[in-house]
Amino acid sequence: KPIKWMSTRPFWRYEQVQQGRFRE
């Protein structure tokens, strides 16, 4: 401790598509 983590990756949500918001 302290634990310091980072990552870059995709996520998925089934929601309404709009400006700057996608399902992936």
mmCIF file of all heavy atoms, coordinates in Angstrom:
data_MODEL
# 
_entry.id   MODEL 
# 
loop_
_atom_site.group_PDB 
_atom_site.id 
_atom_site.type_symbol 
_atom_site.label_atom_id 
_atom_site.label_alt_id 
_atom_site.label_comp_id 
_atom_site.label_asym_id 
_atom_site.label_entity_id 
_atom_site.label_seq_id 
_atom_site.pdbx_PDB_ins_code 
_atom_site.Cartn_x 
_atom_site.Cartn_y 
_atom_site.Cartn_z 
_atom_site.occupancy 
_atom_site.B_iso_or_equiv 
_atom_site.pdbx_formal_charge 
_atom_site.auth_seq_id 
_atom_site.auth_comp_id 
_atom_site.auth_asym_id 
_atom_site.auth_atom_id 
_atom_site.pdbx_PDB_model_num 
ATOM 1   N N   . LYS A 1 1  ? 0.837   -1.199 0.000   1.00 0.00 ? 1  LYS A N   1 
ATOM 2   C CA  . LYS A 1 1  ? 0.000   0.000  0.000   1.00 0.00 ? 1  LYS A CA  1 
ATOM 3   C C   . LYS A 1 1  ? 0.879   1.260  0.000   1.00 0.00 ? 1  LYS A C   1 
ATOM 4   O O   . LYS A 1 1  ? 1.951   1.254  0.610   1.00 0.00 ? 1  LYS A O   1 
ATOM 5   C CB  . LYS A 1 1  ? -0.909  0.005  1.238   1.00 0.00 ? 1  LYS A CB  1 
ATOM 6   C CG  . LYS A 1 1  ? -1.683  -1.272 1.500   1.00 0.00 ? 1  LYS A CG  1 
ATOM 7   C CD  . LYS A 1 1  ? -2.688  -1.572 0.424   1.00 0.00 ? 1  LYS A CD  1 
ATOM 8   C CE  . LYS A 1 1  ? -3.633  -2.691 0.861   1.00 0.00 ? 1  LYS A CE  1 
ATOM 9   N NZ  . LYS A 1 1  ? -2.973  -3.954 1.245   1.00 0.00 ? 1  LYS A NZ  1 
ATOM 10  N N   . PRO A 1 2  ? 0.432   2.336  -0.620  1.00 0.00 ? 2  PRO A N   1 
ATOM 11  C CA  . PRO A 1 2  ? -0.784  2.371  -1.421  1.00 0.00 ? 2  PRO A CA  1 
ATOM 12  C C   . PRO A 1 2  ? -0.611  1.654  -2.752  1.00 0.00 ? 2  PRO A C   1 
ATOM 13  O O   . PRO A 1 2  ? 0.472   1.643  -3.335  1.00 0.00 ? 2  PRO A O   1 
ATOM 14  C CB  . PRO A 1 2  ? -1.020  3.871  -1.637  1.00 0.00 ? 2  PRO A CB  1 
ATOM 15  C CG  . PRO A 1 2  ? 0.346   4.475  -1.587  1.00 0.00 ? 2  PRO A CG  1 
ATOM 16  C CD  . PRO A 1 2  ? 1.094   3.663  -0.573  1.00 0.00 ? 2  PRO A CD  1 
ATOM 17  N N   . ILE A 1 3  ? -1.688  1.059  -3.210  1.00 0.00 ? 3  ILE A N   1 
ATOM 18  C CA  . ILE A 1 3  ? -1.721  0.395  -4.510  1.00 0.00 ? 3  ILE A CA  1 
ATOM 19  C C   . ILE A 1 3  ? -2.069  1.450  -5.560  1.00 0.00 ? 3  ILE A C   1 
ATOM 20  O O   . ILE A 1 3  ? -3.056  2.172  -5.415  1.00 0.00 ? 3  ILE A O   1 
ATOM 21  C CB  . ILE A 1 3  ? -2.791  -0.711 -4.525  1.00 0.00 ? 3  ILE A CB  1 
ATOM 22  C CG1 . ILE A 1 3  ? -2.570  -1.683 -3.359  1.00 0.00 ? 3  ILE A CG1 1 
ATOM 23  C CG2 . ILE A 1 3  ? -2.819  -1.432 -5.858  1.00 0.00 ? 3  ILE A CG2 1 
ATOM 24  C CD1 . ILE A 1 3  ? -3.810  -2.483 -3.003  1.00 0.00 ? 3  ILE A CD1 1 
ATOM 25  N N   . LYS A 1 4  ? -1.245  1.541  -6.604  1.00 0.00 ? 4  LYS A N   1 
ATOM 26  C CA  . LYS A 1 4  ? -1.482  2.545  -7.645  1.00 0.00 ? 4  LYS A CA  1 
ATOM 27  C C   . LYS A 1 4  ? -1.550  1.826  -8.993  1.00 0.00 ? 4  LYS A C   1 
ATOM 28  O O   . LYS A 1 4  ? -0.528  1.382  -9.506  1.00 0.00 ? 4  LYS A O   1 
ATOM 29  C CB  . LYS A 1 4  ? -0.374  3.608  -7.621  1.00 0.00 ? 4  LYS A CB  1 
ATOM 30  C CG  . LYS A 1 4  ? -0.324  4.395  -6.314  1.00 0.00 ? 4  LYS A CG  1 
ATOM 31  C CD  . LYS A 1 4  ? 0.875   5.320  -6.229  1.00 0.00 ? 4  LYS A CD  1 
ATOM 32  C CE  . LYS A 1 4  ? 0.783   6.443  -7.211  1.00 0.00 ? 4  LYS A CE  1 
ATOM 33  N NZ  . LYS A 1 4  ? 1.882   7.435  -7.035  1.00 0.00 ? 4  LYS A NZ  1 
ATOM 34  N N   . TRP A 1 5  ? -2.752  1.713  -9.528  1.00 0.00 ? 5  TRP A N   1 
ATOM 35  C CA  . TRP A 1 5  ? -2.980  0.942  -10.749 1.00 0.00 ? 5  TRP A CA  1 
ATOM 36  C C   . TRP A 1 5  ? -3.567  1.819  -11.842 1.00 0.00 ? 5  TRP A C   1 
ATOM 37  O O   . TRP A 1 5  ? -4.282  2.797  -11.573 1.00 0.00 ? 5  TRP A O   1 
ATOM 38  C CB  . TRP A 1 5  ? -3.951  -0.201 -10.478 1.00 0.00 ? 5  TRP A CB  1 
ATOM 39  C CG  . TRP A 1 5  ? -3.350  -1.339 -9.720  1.00 0.00 ? 5  TRP A CG  1 
ATOM 40  C CD1 . TRP A 1 5  ? -2.040  -1.563 -9.450  1.00 0.00 ? 5  TRP A CD1 1 
ATOM 41  C CD2 . TRP A 1 5  ? -4.075  -2.432 -9.121  1.00 0.00 ? 5  TRP A CD2 1 
ATOM 42  N NE1 . TRP A 1 5  ? -1.882  -2.726 -8.736  1.00 0.00 ? 5  TRP A NE1 1 
ATOM 43  C CE2 . TRP A 1 5  ? -3.100  -3.283 -8.518  1.00 0.00 ? 5  TRP A CE2 1 
ATOM 44  C CE3 . TRP A 1 5  ? -5.412  -2.779 -9.040  1.00 0.00 ? 5  TRP A CE3 1 
ATOM 45  C CZ2 . TRP A 1 5  ? -3.459  -4.456 -7.845  1.00 0.00 ? 5  TRP A CZ2 1 
ATOM 46  C CZ3 . TRP A 1 5  ? -5.771  -3.945 -8.389  1.00 0.00 ? 5  TRP A CZ3 1 
ATOM 47  C CH2 . TRP A 1 5  ? -4.800  -4.775 -7.791  1.00 0.00 ? 5  TRP A CH2 1 
ATOM 48  N N   . MET A 1 6  ? -3.288  1.433  -13.072 1.00 0.00 ? 6  MET A N   1 
ATOM 49  C CA  . MET A 1 6  ? -3.903  2.111  -14.222 1.00 0.00 ? 6  MET A CA  1 
ATOM 50  C C   . MET A 1 6  ? -4.084  1.110  -15.345 1.00 0.00 ? 6  MET A C   1 
ATOM 51  O O   . MET A 1 6  ? -3.379  0.101  -15.437 1.00 0.00 ? 6  MET A O   1 
ATOM 52  C CB  . MET A 1 6  ? -3.069  3.311  -14.677 1.00 0.00 ? 6  MET A CB  1 
ATOM 53  C CG  . MET A 1 6  ? -1.746  2.981  -15.309 1.00 0.00 ? 6  MET A CG  1 
ATOM 54  S SD  . MET A 1 6  ? -1.813  2.868  -17.102 1.00 0.00 ? 6  MET A SD  1 
ATOM 55  C CE  . MET A 1 6  ? -0.048  2.772  -17.455 1.00 0.00 ? 6  MET A CE  1 
ATOM 56  N N   . SER A 1 7  ? -5.046  1.376  -16.225 1.00 0.00 ? 7  SER A N   1 
ATOM 57  C CA  . SER A 1 7  ? -5.244  0.549  -17.417 1.00 0.00 ? 7  SER A CA  1 
ATOM 58  C C   . SER A 1 7  ? -6.096  1.315  -18.421 1.00 0.00 ? 7  SER A C   1 
ATOM 59  O O   . SER A 1 7  ? -6.859  2.214  -18.056 1.00 0.00 ? 7  SER A O   1 
ATOM 60  C CB  . SER A 1 7  ? -5.927  -0.780 -17.072 1.00 0.00 ? 7  SER A CB  1 
ATOM 61  O OG  . SER A 1 7  ? -7.276  -0.570 -16.684 1.00 0.00 ? 7  SER A OG  1 
ATOM 62  N N   . THR A 1 8  ? -5.940  0.940  -19.687 1.00 0.00 ? 8  THR A N   1 
ATOM 63  C CA  . THR A 1 8  ? -6.779  1.463  -20.765 1.00 0.00 ? 8  THR A CA  1 
ATOM 64  C C   . THR A 1 8  ? -7.442  0.278  -21.455 1.00 0.00 ? 8  THR A C   1 
ATOM 65  O O   . THR A 1 8  ? -6.740  -0.666 -21.851 1.00 0.00 ? 8  THR A O   1 
ATOM 66  C CB  . THR A 1 8  ? -5.955  2.243  -21.793 1.00 0.00 ? 8  THR A CB  1 
ATOM 67  O OG1 . THR A 1 8  ? -5.357  3.386  -21.170 1.00 0.00 ? 8  THR A OG1 1 
ATOM 68  C CG2 . THR A 1 8  ? -6.822  2.720  -22.954 1.00 0.00 ? 8  THR A CG2 1 
ATOM 69  N N   . ARG A 1 9  ? -8.757  0.319  -21.583 1.00 0.00 ? 9  ARG A N   1 
ATOM 70  C CA  . ARG A 1 9  ? -9.467  -0.813 -22.177 1.00 0.00 ? 9  ARG A CA  1 
ATOM 71  C C   . ARG A 1 9  ? -10.891 -0.421 -22.534 1.00 0.00 ? 9  ARG A C   1 
ATOM 72  O O   . ARG A 1 9  ? -11.382 0.636  -22.131 1.00 0.00 ? 9  ARG A O   1 
ATOM 73  C CB  . ARG A 1 9  ? -9.473  -2.004 -21.225 1.00 0.00 ? 9  ARG A CB  1 
ATOM 74  C CG  . ARG A 1 9  ? -9.910  -1.675 -19.816 1.00 0.00 ? 9  ARG A CG  1 
ATOM 75  C CD  . ARG A 1 9  ? -10.493 -2.882 -19.110 1.00 0.00 ? 9  ARG A CD  1 
ATOM 76  N NE  . ARG A 1 9  ? -11.707 -3.320 -19.763 1.00 0.00 ? 9  ARG A NE  1 
ATOM 77  C CZ  . ARG A 1 9  ? -12.439 -4.344 -19.331 1.00 0.00 ? 9  ARG A CZ  1 
ATOM 78  N NH1 . ARG A 1 9  ? -12.083 -5.043 -18.276 1.00 0.00 ? 9  ARG A NH1 1 
ATOM 79  N NH2 . ARG A 1 9  ? -13.556 -4.687 -19.967 1.00 0.00 ? 9  ARG A NH2 1 
ATOM 80  N N   . PRO A 1 10 ? -11.599 -1.284 -23.300 1.00 0.00 ? 10 PRO A N   1 
ATOM 81  C CA  . PRO A 1 10 ? -12.995 -0.987 -23.639 1.00 0.00 ? 10 PRO A CA  1 
ATOM 82  C C   . PRO A 1 10 ? -13.958 -1.481 -22.568 1.00 0.00 ? 10 PRO A C   1 
ATOM 83  O O   . PRO A 1 10 ? -13.652 -2.407 -21.805 1.00 0.00 ? 10 PRO A O   1 
ATOM 84  C CB  . PRO A 1 10 ? -13.195 -1.761 -24.943 1.00 0.00 ? 10 PRO A CB  1 
ATOM 85  C CG  . PRO A 1 10 ? -12.280 -2.933 -24.826 1.00 0.00 ? 10 PRO A CG  1 
ATOM 86  C CD  . PRO A 1 10 ? -11.079 -2.433 -24.054 1.00 0.00 ? 10 PRO A CD  1 
ATOM 87  N N   . PHE A 1 11 ? -15.138 -0.855 -22.542 1.00 0.00 ? 11 PHE A N   1 
ATOM 88  C CA  . PHE A 1 11 ? -16.251 -1.261 -21.682 1.00 0.00 ? 11 PHE A CA  1 
ATOM 89  C C   . PHE A 1 11 ? -17.520 -1.248 -22.515 1.00 0.00 ? 11 PHE A C   1 
ATOM 90  O O   . PHE A 1 11 ? -17.558 -0.686 -23.614 1.00 0.00 ? 11 PHE A O   1 
ATOM 91  C CB  . PHE A 1 11 ? -16.377 -0.320 -20.479 1.00 0.00 ? 11 PHE A CB  1 
ATOM 92  C CG  . PHE A 1 11 ? -15.164 -0.300 -19.603 1.00 0.00 ? 11 PHE A CG  1 
ATOM 93  C CD1 . PHE A 1 11 ? -14.156 0.636  -19.812 1.00 0.00 ? 11 PHE A CD1 1 
ATOM 94  C CD2 . PHE A 1 11 ? -15.013 -1.225 -18.588 1.00 0.00 ? 11 PHE A CD2 1 
ATOM 95  C CE1 . PHE A 1 11 ? -13.020 0.645  -19.020 1.00 0.00 ? 11 PHE A CE1 1 
ATOM 96  C CE2 . PHE A 1 11 ? -13.875 -1.214 -17.789 1.00 0.00 ? 11 PHE A CE2 1 
ATOM 97  C CZ  . PHE A 1 11 ? -12.879 -0.283 -18.010 1.00 0.00 ? 11 PHE A CZ  1 
ATOM 98  N N   . TRP A 1 12 ? -18.586 -1.851 -21.940 1.00 0.00 ? 12 TRP A N   1 
ATOM 99  C CA  . TRP A 1 12 ? -19.818 -1.991 -22.707 1.00 0.00 ? 12 TRP A CA  1 
ATOM 100 C C   . TRP A 1 12 ? -21.021 -1.706 -21.818 1.00 0.00 ? 12 TRP A C   1 
ATOM 101 O O   . TRP A 1 12 ? -21.136 -2.248 -20.708 1.00 0.00 ? 12 TRP A O   1 
ATOM 102 C CB  . TRP A 1 12 ? -19.928 -3.407 -23.258 1.00 0.00 ? 12 TRP A CB  1 
ATOM 103 C CG  . TRP A 1 12 ? -18.787 -3.777 -24.164 1.00 0.00 ? 12 TRP A CG  1 
ATOM 104 C CD1 . TRP A 1 12 ? -18.726 -3.641 -25.516 1.00 0.00 ? 12 TRP A CD1 1 
ATOM 105 C CD2 . TRP A 1 12 ? -17.523 -4.335 -23.772 1.00 0.00 ? 12 TRP A CD2 1 
ATOM 106 N NE1 . TRP A 1 12 ? -17.518 -4.075 -25.991 1.00 0.00 ? 12 TRP A NE1 1 
ATOM 107 C CE2 . TRP A 1 12 ? -16.755 -4.511 -24.959 1.00 0.00 ? 12 TRP A CE2 1 
ATOM 108 C CE3 . TRP A 1 12 ? -16.966 -4.710 -22.542 1.00 0.00 ? 12 TRP A CE3 1 
ATOM 109 C CZ2 . TRP A 1 12 ? -15.468 -5.041 -24.936 1.00 0.00 ? 12 TRP A CZ2 1 
ATOM 110 C CZ3 . TRP A 1 12 ? -15.686 -5.230 -22.521 1.00 0.00 ? 12 TRP A CZ3 1 
ATOM 111 C CH2 . TRP A 1 12 ? -14.949 -5.393 -23.703 1.00 0.00 ? 12 TRP A CH2 1 
ATOM 112 N N   . ARG A 1 13 ? -21.902 -0.855 -22.319 1.00 0.00 ? 13 ARG A N   1 
ATOM 113 C CA  . ARG A 1 13 ? -23.162 -0.577 -21.640 1.00 0.00 ? 13 ARG A CA  1 
ATOM 114 C C   . ARG A 1 13 ? -24.256 -0.471 -22.686 1.00 0.00 ? 13 ARG A C   1 
ATOM 115 O O   . ARG A 1 13 ? -24.084 0.194  -23.714 1.00 0.00 ? 13 ARG A O   1 
ATOM 116 C CB  . ARG A 1 13 ? -23.104 0.740  -20.851 1.00 0.00 ? 13 ARG A CB  1 
ATOM 117 C CG  . ARG A 1 13 ? -22.256 0.689  -19.603 1.00 0.00 ? 13 ARG A CG  1 
ATOM 118 C CD  . ARG A 1 13 ? -22.273 2.014  -18.886 1.00 0.00 ? 13 ARG A CD  1 
ATOM 119 N NE  . ARG A 1 13 ? -21.327 2.047  -17.782 1.00 0.00 ? 13 ARG A NE  1 
ATOM 120 C CZ  . ARG A 1 13 ? -20.837 3.152  -17.249 1.00 0.00 ? 13 ARG A CZ  1 
ATOM 121 N NH1 . ARG A 1 13 ? -21.209 4.330  -17.719 1.00 0.00 ? 13 ARG A NH1 1 
ATOM 122 N NH2 . ARG A 1 13 ? -19.974 3.099  -16.256 1.00 0.00 ? 13 ARG A NH2 1 
ATOM 123 N N   . TYR A 1 14 ? -25.389 -1.085 -22.411 1.00 0.00 ? 14 TYR A N   1 
ATOM 124 C CA  . TYR A 1 14 ? -26.518 -0.995 -23.336 1.00 0.00 ? 14 TYR A CA  1 
ATOM 125 C C   . TYR A 1 14 ? -27.342 0.226  -22.945 1.00 0.00 ? 14 TYR A C   1 
ATOM 126 O O   . TYR A 1 14 ? -28.204 0.172  -22.083 1.00 0.00 ? 14 TYR A O   1 
ATOM 127 C CB  . TYR A 1 14 ? -27.376 -2.259 -23.301 1.00 0.00 ? 14 TYR A CB  1 
ATOM 128 C CG  . TYR A 1 14 ? -28.328 -2.330 -24.468 1.00 0.00 ? 14 TYR A CG  1 
ATOM 129 C CD1 . TYR A 1 14 ? -27.900 -2.848 -25.685 1.00 0.00 ? 14 TYR A CD1 1 
ATOM 130 C CD2 . TYR A 1 14 ? -29.617 -1.839 -24.374 1.00 0.00 ? 14 TYR A CD2 1 
ATOM 131 C CE1 . TYR A 1 14 ? -28.744 -2.906 -26.779 1.00 0.00 ? 14 TYR A CE1 1 
ATOM 132 C CE2 . TYR A 1 14 ? -30.471 -1.878 -25.458 1.00 0.00 ? 14 TYR A CE2 1 
ATOM 133 C CZ  . TYR A 1 14 ? -30.040 -2.417 -26.657 1.00 0.00 ? 14 TYR A CZ  1 
ATOM 134 O OH  . TYR A 1 14 ? -30.874 -2.449 -27.737 1.00 0.00 ? 14 TYR A OH  1 
ATOM 135 N N   . GLU A 1 15 ? -27.026 1.361  -23.569 1.00 0.00 ? 15 GLU A N   1 
ATOM 136 C CA  . GLU A 1 15 ? -27.692 2.606  -23.230 1.00 0.00 ? 15 GLU A CA  1 
ATOM 137 C C   . GLU A 1 15 ? -27.909 3.438  -24.484 1.00 0.00 ? 15 GLU A C   1 
ATOM 138 O O   . GLU A 1 15 ? -27.438 3.103  -25.570 1.00 0.00 ? 15 GLU A O   1 
ATOM 139 C CB  . GLU A 1 15 ? -26.876 3.387  -22.195 1.00 0.00 ? 15 GLU A CB  1 
ATOM 140 C CG  . GLU A 1 15 ? -25.472 3.747  -22.640 1.00 0.00 ? 15 GLU A CG  1 
ATOM 141 C CD  . GLU A 1 15 ? -24.680 4.418  -21.526 1.00 0.00 ? 15 GLU A CD  1 
ATOM 142 O OE1 . GLU A 1 15 ? -25.213 4.590  -20.426 1.00 0.00 ? 15 GLU A OE1 1 
ATOM 143 O OE2 . GLU A 1 15 ? -23.518 4.780  -21.770 1.00 0.00 ? 15 GLU A OE2 1 
ATOM 144 N N   . GLN A 1 16 ? -28.612 4.543  -24.324 1.00 0.00 ? 16 GLN A N   1 
ATOM 145 C CA  . GLN A 1 16 ? -28.917 5.404  -25.456 1.00 0.00 ? 16 GLN A CA  1 
ATOM 146 C C   . GLN A 1 16 ? -27.654 6.049  -26.001 1.00 0.00 ? 16 GLN A C   1 
ATOM 147 O O   . GLN A 1 16 ? -26.872 6.627  -25.248 1.00 0.00 ? 16 GLN A O   1 
ATOM 148 C CB  . GLN A 1 16 ? -29.921 6.499  -25.039 1.00 0.00 ? 16 GLN A CB  1 
ATOM 149 C CG  . GLN A 1 16 ? -30.408 7.376  -26.172 1.00 0.00 ? 16 GLN A CG  1 
ATOM 150 C CD  . GLN A 1 16 ? -31.180 6.617  -27.228 1.00 0.00 ? 16 GLN A CD  1 
ATOM 151 O OE1 . GLN A 1 16 ? -31.967 5.729  -26.910 1.00 0.00 ? 16 GLN A OE1 1 
ATOM 152 N NE2 . GLN A 1 16 ? -30.965 6.962  -28.494 1.00 0.00 ? 16 GLN A NE2 1 
ATOM 153 N N   . VAL A 1 17 ? -27.470 5.964  -27.306 1.00 0.00 ? 17 VAL A N   1 
ATOM 154 C CA  . VAL A 1 17 ? -26.303 6.568  -27.947 1.00 0.00 ? 17 VAL A CA  1 
ATOM 155 C C   . VAL A 1 17 ? -26.531 8.064  -28.087 1.00 0.00 ? 17 VAL A C   1 
ATOM 156 O O   . VAL A 1 17 ? -27.587 8.505  -28.545 1.00 0.00 ? 17 VAL A O   1 
ATOM 157 C CB  . VAL A 1 17 ? -26.045 5.912  -29.326 1.00 0.00 ? 17 VAL A CB  1 
ATOM 158 C CG1 . VAL A 1 17 ? -24.859 6.571  -30.021 1.00 0.00 ? 17 VAL A CG1 1 
ATOM 159 C CG2 . VAL A 1 17 ? -25.808 4.416  -29.161 1.00 0.00 ? 17 VAL A CG2 1 
ATOM 160 N N   . GLN A 1 18 ? -25.549 8.875  -27.695 1.00 0.00 ? 18 GLN A N   1 
ATOM 161 C CA  . GLN A 1 18 ? -25.643 10.333 -27.807 1.00 0.00 ? 18 GLN A CA  1 
ATOM 162 C C   . GLN A 1 18 ? -24.241 10.913 -27.896 1.00 0.00 ? 18 GLN A C   1 
ATOM 163 O O   . GLN A 1 18 ? -23.266 10.160 -28.003 1.00 0.00 ? 18 GLN A O   1 
ATOM 164 C CB  . GLN A 1 18 ? -26.393 10.906 -26.607 1.00 0.00 ? 18 GLN A CB  1 
ATOM 165 C CG  . GLN A 1 18 ? -25.829 10.476 -25.262 1.00 0.00 ? 18 GLN A CG  1 
ATOM 166 C CD  . GLN A 1 18 ? -26.657 10.952 -24.095 1.00 0.00 ? 18 GLN A CD  1 
ATOM 167 O OE1 . GLN A 1 18 ? -26.601 12.133 -23.744 1.00 0.00 ? 18 GLN A OE1 1 
ATOM 168 N NE2 . GLN A 1 18 ? -27.431 10.054 -23.493 1.00 0.00 ? 18 GLN A NE2 1 
ATOM 169 N N   . GLN A 1 19 ? -24.145 12.243 -27.884 1.00 0.00 ? 19 GLN A N   1 
ATOM 170 C CA  . GLN A 1 19 ? -22.839 12.886 -28.033 1.00 0.00 ? 19 GLN A CA  1 
ATOM 171 C C   . GLN A 1 19 ? -21.856 12.355 -27.001 1.00 0.00 ? 19 GLN A C   1 
ATOM 172 O O   . GLN A 1 19 ? -22.064 12.438 -25.795 1.00 0.00 ? 19 GLN A O   1 
ATOM 173 C CB  . GLN A 1 19 ? -22.954 14.402 -27.877 1.00 0.00 ? 19 GLN A CB  1 
ATOM 174 C CG  . GLN A 1 19 ? -21.617 15.130 -28.141 1.00 0.00 ? 19 GLN A CG  1 
ATOM 175 C CD  . GLN A 1 19 ? -21.605 16.553 -27.604 1.00 0.00 ? 19 GLN A CD  1 
ATOM 176 O OE1 . GLN A 1 19 ? -22.061 16.808 -26.497 1.00 0.00 ? 19 GLN A OE1 1 
ATOM 177 N NE2 . GLN A 1 19 ? -21.086 17.475 -28.386 1.00 0.00 ? 19 GLN A NE2 1 
ATOM 178 N N   . GLY A 1 20 ? -20.748 11.793 -27.500 1.00 0.00 ? 20 GLY A N   1 
ATOM 179 C CA  . GLY A 1 20 ? -19.702 11.316 -26.618 1.00 0.00 ? 20 GLY A CA  1 
ATOM 180 C C   . GLY A 1 20 ? -20.046 10.071 -25.829 1.00 0.00 ? 20 GLY A C   1 
ATOM 181 O O   . GLY A 1 20 ? -19.304 9.680  -24.931 1.00 0.00 ? 20 GLY A O   1 
ATOM 182 N N   . ARG A 1 21 ? -21.165 9.409  -26.151 1.00 0.00 ? 21 ARG A N   1 
ATOM 183 C CA  . ARG A 1 21 ? -21.562 8.213  -25.401 1.00 0.00 ? 21 ARG A CA  1 
ATOM 184 C C   . ARG A 1 21 ? -21.918 7.111  -26.392 1.00 0.00 ? 21 ARG A C   1 
ATOM 185 O O   . ARG A 1 21 ? -22.791 7.279  -27.243 1.00 0.00 ? 21 ARG A O   1 
ATOM 186 C CB  . ARG A 1 21 ? -22.734 8.512  -24.475 1.00 0.00 ? 21 ARG A CB  1 
ATOM 187 C CG  . ARG A 1 21 ? -23.263 7.279  -23.731 1.00 0.00 ? 21 ARG A CG  1 
ATOM 188 C CD  . ARG A 1 21 ? -24.283 7.661  -22.685 1.00 0.00 ? 21 ARG A CD  1 
ATOM 189 N NE  . ARG A 1 21 ? -23.656 8.340  -21.548 1.00 0.00 ? 21 ARG A NE  1 
ATOM 190 C CZ  . ARG A 1 21 ? -24.349 8.807  -20.510 1.00 0.00 ? 21 ARG A CZ  1 
ATOM 191 N NH1 . ARG A 1 21 ? -25.660 8.689  -20.465 1.00 0.00 ? 21 ARG A NH1 1 
ATOM 192 N NH2 . ARG A 1 21 ? -23.712 9.414  -19.509 1.00 0.00 ? 21 ARG A NH2 1 
ATOM 193 N N   . PHE A 1 22 ? -21.237 5.979  -26.254 1.00 0.00 ? 22 PHE A N   1 
ATOM 194 C CA  . PHE A 1 22 ? -21.450 4.849  -27.138 1.00 0.00 ? 22 PHE A CA  1 
ATOM 195 C C   . PHE A 1 22 ? -21.661 3.593  -26.301 1.00 0.00 ? 22 PHE A C   1 
ATOM 196 O O   . PHE A 1 22 ? -21.453 3.592  -25.092 1.00 0.00 ? 22 PHE A O   1 
ATOM 197 C CB  . PHE A 1 22 ? -20.240 4.665  -28.069 1.00 0.00 ? 22 PHE A CB  1 
ATOM 198 C CG  . PHE A 1 22 ? -19.977 5.857  -28.952 1.00 0.00 ? 22 PHE A CG  1 
ATOM 199 C CD1 . PHE A 1 22 ? -19.153 6.884  -28.530 1.00 0.00 ? 22 PHE A CD1 1 
ATOM 200 C CD2 . PHE A 1 22 ? -20.582 5.945  -30.200 1.00 0.00 ? 22 PHE A CD2 1 
ATOM 201 C CE1 . PHE A 1 22 ? -18.920 7.984  -29.334 1.00 0.00 ? 22 PHE A CE1 1 
ATOM 202 C CE2 . PHE A 1 22 ? -20.354 7.040  -31.012 1.00 0.00 ? 22 PHE A CE2 1 
ATOM 203 C CZ  . PHE A 1 22 ? -19.526 8.069  -30.581 1.00 0.00 ? 22 PHE A CZ  1 
ATOM 204 N N   . ARG A 1 23 ? -22.074 2.522  -26.948 1.00 0.00 ? 23 ARG A N   1 
ATOM 205 C CA  . ARG A 1 23 ? -22.309 1.275  -26.220 1.00 0.00 ? 23 ARG A CA  1 
ATOM 206 C C   . ARG A 1 23 ? -21.013 0.507  -25.977 1.00 0.00 ? 23 ARG A C   1 
ATOM 207 O O   . ARG A 1 23 ? -20.939 -0.280 -25.048 1.00 0.00 ? 23 ARG A O   1 
ATOM 208 C CB  . ARG A 1 23 ? -23.343 0.431  -26.972 1.00 0.00 ? 23 ARG A CB  1 
ATOM 209 C CG  . ARG A 1 23 ? -24.734 1.056  -26.881 1.00 0.00 ? 23 ARG A CG  1 
ATOM 210 C CD  . ARG A 1 23 ? -25.769 0.350  -27.711 1.00 0.00 ? 23 ARG A CD  1 
ATOM 211 N NE  . ARG A 1 23 ? -27.079 0.976  -27.483 1.00 0.00 ? 23 ARG A NE  1 
ATOM 212 C CZ  . ARG A 1 23 ? -28.167 0.716  -28.195 1.00 0.00 ? 23 ARG A CZ  1 
ATOM 213 N NH1 . ARG A 1 23 ? -28.102 -0.155 -29.193 1.00 0.00 ? 23 ARG A NH1 1 
ATOM 214 N NH2 . ARG A 1 23 ? -29.306 1.320  -27.929 1.00 0.00 ? 23 ARG A NH2 1 
ATOM 215 N N   . GLU A 1 24 ? -20.046 0.736  -26.805 1.00 0.00 ? 24 GLU A N   1 
ATOM 216 C CA  . GLU A 1 24 ? -18.689 0.287  -26.523 1.00 0.00 ? 24 GLU A CA  1 
ATOM 217 C C   . GLU A 1 24 ? -17.829 1.533  -26.431 1.00 0.00 ? 24 GLU A C   1 
ATOM 218 O O   . GLU A 1 24 ? -17.836 2.358  -27.344 1.00 0.00 ? 24 GLU A O   1 
ATOM 219 C CB  . GLU A 1 24 ? -18.161 -0.632 -27.622 1.00 0.00 ? 24 GLU A CB  1 
ATOM 220 C CG  . GLU A 1 24 ? -16.737 -1.118 -27.349 1.00 0.00 ? 24 GLU A CG  1 
ATOM 221 C CD  . GLU A 1 24 ? -16.197 -2.006 -28.462 1.00 0.00 ? 24 GLU A CD  1 
ATOM 222 O OE1 . GLU A 1 24 ? -16.189 -1.551 -29.628 1.00 0.00 ? 24 GLU A OE1 1 
ATOM 223 O OE2 . GLU A 1 24 ? -15.797 -3.141 -28.167 1.00 0.00 ? 24 GLU A OE2 1 
# 
